[in-house]
Amino acid sequence: MQYEEIEKYIGRLVILTDTDGQKFKGIIHNIESWLDTSSGKDEVEIRVEDVWYGIPFDEIKSIIAVL
């Protein structure tokens, strides 16, 4: 996915599905530049309960907002 597709979900509760089919239900808090990540890729920061995940843009299959 691209930044323009992701930015509207910042601060929202979502279900994010990665390219492996794993689903994460949480709040997207931030987007991290490739300069600041261990993967060397731009990443979405999503908090699922009390756990934070960094998911590279190119590993995101879909994002659905939860109302």
N, C-alpha and C. Protein backbone atom coordinates (compact mmCIF):
# COMPACT_ATOMS: atom_id res chain seq x y z
N MET A 1 0.85 -1.18 0.00
CA MET A 1 0.00 0.00 0.00
C MET A 1 0.89 1.24 0.00
N GLN A 2 0.31 2.34 -0.38
CA GLN A 2 1.01 3.61 -0.41
C GLN A 2 0.55 4.50 0.75
N TYR A 3 1.36 5.50 1.06
CA TYR A 3 1.05 6.43 2.15
C TYR A 3 -0.34 7.03 2.00
N GLU A 4 -0.67 7.45 0.79
CA GLU A 4 -1.95 8.12 0.53
C GLU A 4 -3.13 7.21 0.86
N GLU A 5 -2.96 5.91 0.73
CA GLU A 5 -4.02 4.96 1.04
C GLU A 5 -4.14 4.70 2.54
N ILE A 6 -3.07 4.93 3.27
CA ILE A 6 -2.99 4.58 4.69
C ILE A 6 -3.31 5.76 5.60
N GLU A 7 -2.94 6.97 5.20
CA GLU A 7 -3.01 8.13 6.11
C GLU A 7 -4.39 8.39 6.68
N LYS A 8 -5.45 8.06 5.95
CA LYS A 8 -6.81 8.31 6.45
C LYS A 8 -7.17 7.42 7.64
N TYR A 9 -6.38 6.38 7.90
CA TYR A 9 -6.65 5.46 9.00
C TYR A 9 -5.87 5.79 10.27
N ILE A 10 -4.99 6.78 10.23
CA ILE A 10 -4.22 7.14 11.42
C ILE A 10 -5.17 7.61 12.52
N GLY A 11 -5.01 7.01 13.71
CA GLY A 11 -5.85 7.36 14.85
C GLY A 11 -7.17 6.59 14.90
N ARG A 12 -7.38 5.68 13.97
CA ARG A 12 -8.64 4.95 13.91
C ARG A 12 -8.45 3.48 14.25
N LEU A 13 -9.52 2.88 14.74
CA LEU A 13 -9.55 1.45 14.99
C LEU A 13 -9.77 0.75 13.65
N VAL A 14 -8.89 -0.20 13.35
CA VAL A 14 -8.94 -0.88 12.05
C VAL A 14 -8.70 -2.37 12.21
N ILE A 15 -8.99 -3.09 11.14
CA ILE A 15 -8.52 -4.46 10.99
C ILE A 15 -7.56 -4.43 9.81
N LEU A 16 -6.30 -4.69 10.10
CA LEU A 16 -5.25 -4.68 9.09
C LEU A 16 -4.91 -6.13 8.77
N THR A 17 -4.90 -6.48 7.49
CA THR A 17 -4.52 -7.82 7.06
C THR A 17 -3.21 -7.72 6.31
N ASP A 18 -2.23 -8.55 6.70
CA ASP A 18 -0.94 -8.52 6.00
C ASP A 18 -0.94 -9.53 4.85
N THR A 19 0.12 -9.54 4.09
CA THR A 19 0.21 -10.39 2.91
C THR A 19 0.26 -11.88 3.25
N ASP A 20 0.53 -12.22 4.52
CA ASP A 20 0.51 -13.62 4.96
C ASP A 20 -0.87 -14.04 5.45
N GLY A 21 -1.82 -13.09 5.46
CA GLY A 21 -3.17 -13.39 5.92
C GLY A 21 -3.40 -13.17 7.40
N GLN A 22 -2.37 -12.71 8.12
CA GLN A 22 -2.53 -12.44 9.55
C GLN A 22 -3.32 -11.14 9.72
N LYS A 23 -4.27 -11.15 10.66
CA LYS A 23 -5.10 -9.98 10.91
C LYS A 23 -4.72 -9.33 12.24
N PHE A 24 -4.70 -8.00 12.24
CA PHE A 24 -4.40 -7.21 13.43
C PHE A 24 -5.56 -6.24 13.63
N LYS A 25 -6.24 -6.33 14.79
CA LYS A 25 -7.30 -5.38 15.11
C LYS A 25 -6.76 -4.43 16.16
N GLY A 26 -6.59 -3.18 15.77
CA GLY A 26 -6.03 -2.19 16.68
C GLY A 26 -6.10 -0.80 16.10
N ILE A 27 -5.38 0.10 16.73
CA ILE A 27 -5.37 1.51 16.31
C ILE A 27 -4.04 1.82 15.63
N ILE A 28 -4.14 2.39 14.44
CA ILE A 28 -2.94 2.85 13.75
C ILE A 28 -2.55 4.19 14.36
N HIS A 29 -1.35 4.25 14.93
CA HIS A 29 -0.93 5.45 15.63
C HIS A 29 0.01 6.32 14.83
N ASN A 30 0.78 5.72 13.94
CA ASN A 30 1.83 6.50 13.30
C ASN A 30 2.32 5.78 12.06
N ILE A 31 3.05 6.53 11.27
CA ILE A 31 3.77 5.97 10.14
C ILE A 31 5.24 6.30 10.38
N GLU A 32 6.07 5.27 10.31
CA GLU A 32 7.50 5.44 10.55
C GLU A 32 8.27 5.40 9.23
N SER A 33 9.17 6.33 9.07
CA SER A 33 10.02 6.39 7.89
C SER A 33 11.00 5.22 7.87
N TRP A 34 11.38 4.81 6.69
CA TRP A 34 12.36 3.73 6.53
C TRP A 34 13.66 4.05 7.24
N LEU A 35 13.93 5.32 7.47
CA LEU A 35 15.16 5.72 8.18
C LEU A 35 15.14 5.33 9.66
N ASP A 36 13.93 5.14 10.20
CA ASP A 36 13.77 4.87 11.63
C ASP A 36 13.34 3.44 11.95
N THR A 37 13.32 2.55 10.96
CA THR A 37 12.84 1.19 11.20
C THR A 37 13.95 0.16 11.01
N SER A 38 13.82 -0.95 11.71
CA SER A 38 14.82 -2.01 11.58
C SER A 38 14.68 -2.76 10.26
N SER A 39 13.50 -2.71 9.65
CA SER A 39 13.28 -3.40 8.38
C SER A 39 13.86 -2.63 7.19
N GLY A 40 14.11 -1.34 7.41
CA GLY A 40 14.59 -0.50 6.31
C GLY A 40 13.49 -0.10 5.35
N LYS A 41 12.22 -0.26 5.79
CA LYS A 41 11.05 0.08 4.96
C LYS A 41 10.15 1.02 5.73
N ASP A 42 9.33 1.80 5.02
CA ASP A 42 8.29 2.59 5.67
C ASP A 42 7.31 1.63 6.33
N GLU A 43 6.90 1.95 7.57
CA GLU A 43 6.02 1.05 8.32
C GLU A 43 4.86 1.80 8.95
N VAL A 44 3.78 1.07 9.15
CA VAL A 44 2.64 1.52 9.94
C VAL A 44 2.86 1.01 11.37
N GLU A 45 2.63 1.87 12.35
CA GLU A 45 2.66 1.44 13.75
C GLU A 45 1.22 1.21 14.18
N ILE A 46 0.92 -0.03 14.57
CA ILE A 46 -0.42 -0.36 15.02
C ILE A 46 -0.32 -0.96 16.43
N ARG A 47 -1.21 -0.49 17.30
CA ARG A 47 -1.24 -1.01 18.67
C ARG A 47 -2.43 -1.96 18.79
N VAL A 48 -2.13 -3.19 19.16
CA VAL A 48 -3.14 -4.22 19.38
C VAL A 48 -3.10 -4.54 20.87
N GLU A 49 -4.13 -4.11 21.59
CA GLU A 49 -4.17 -4.17 23.04
C GLU A 49 -2.92 -3.42 23.56
N ASP A 50 -1.98 -4.10 24.23
CA ASP A 50 -0.80 -3.42 24.75
C ASP A 50 0.47 -3.74 23.97
N VAL A 51 0.31 -4.29 22.78
CA VAL A 51 1.45 -4.68 21.96
C VAL A 51 1.51 -3.80 20.71
N TRP A 52 2.70 -3.29 20.41
CA TRP A 52 2.92 -2.46 19.23
C TRP A 52 3.56 -3.28 18.13
N TYR A 53 3.06 -3.11 16.91
CA TYR A 53 3.62 -3.80 15.75
C TYR A 53 4.01 -2.76 14.70
N GLY A 54 5.11 -3.01 14.03
CA GLY A 54 5.51 -2.21 12.88
C GLY A 54 5.34 -3.08 11.65
N ILE A 55 4.45 -2.69 10.76
CA ILE A 55 4.17 -3.49 9.58
C ILE A 55 4.56 -2.69 8.33
N PRO A 56 5.52 -3.20 7.56
CA PRO A 56 5.94 -2.49 6.35
C PRO A 56 4.78 -2.30 5.36
N PHE A 57 4.77 -1.16 4.69
CA PHE A 57 3.73 -0.85 3.71
C PHE A 57 3.55 -1.97 2.71
N ASP A 58 4.65 -2.53 2.23
CA ASP A 58 4.56 -3.54 1.16
C ASP A 58 4.07 -4.89 1.66
N GLU A 59 3.85 -5.01 2.98
CA GLU A 59 3.32 -6.25 3.54
C GLU A 59 1.86 -6.10 3.98
N ILE A 60 1.24 -4.96 3.65
CA ILE A 60 -0.16 -4.72 3.99
C ILE A 60 -1.04 -5.08 2.80
N LYS A 61 -1.94 -6.02 3.02
CA LYS A 61 -2.86 -6.43 1.97
C LYS A 61 -4.10 -5.54 1.96
N SER A 62 -4.64 -5.28 3.16
CA SER A 62 -5.84 -4.45 3.24
C SER A 62 -5.98 -3.83 4.63
N ILE A 63 -6.75 -2.73 4.68
CA ILE A 63 -7.09 -2.08 5.94
C ILE A 63 -8.58 -1.76 5.87
N ILE A 64 -9.29 -2.15 6.91
CA ILE A 64 -10.74 -1.87 7.00
C ILE A 64 -10.98 -1.13 8.30
N ALA A 65 -11.65 0.01 8.22
CA ALA A 65 -12.00 0.78 9.42
C ALA A 65 -13.12 0.08 10.18
N VAL A 66 -13.01 0.06 11.50
CA VAL A 66 -14.03 -0.52 12.37
C VAL A 66 -14.80 0.66 12.97
N LEU A 67 -16.11 0.60 12.84
CA LEU A 67 -16.93 1.71 13.35
C LEU A 67 -17.14 1.64 14.79
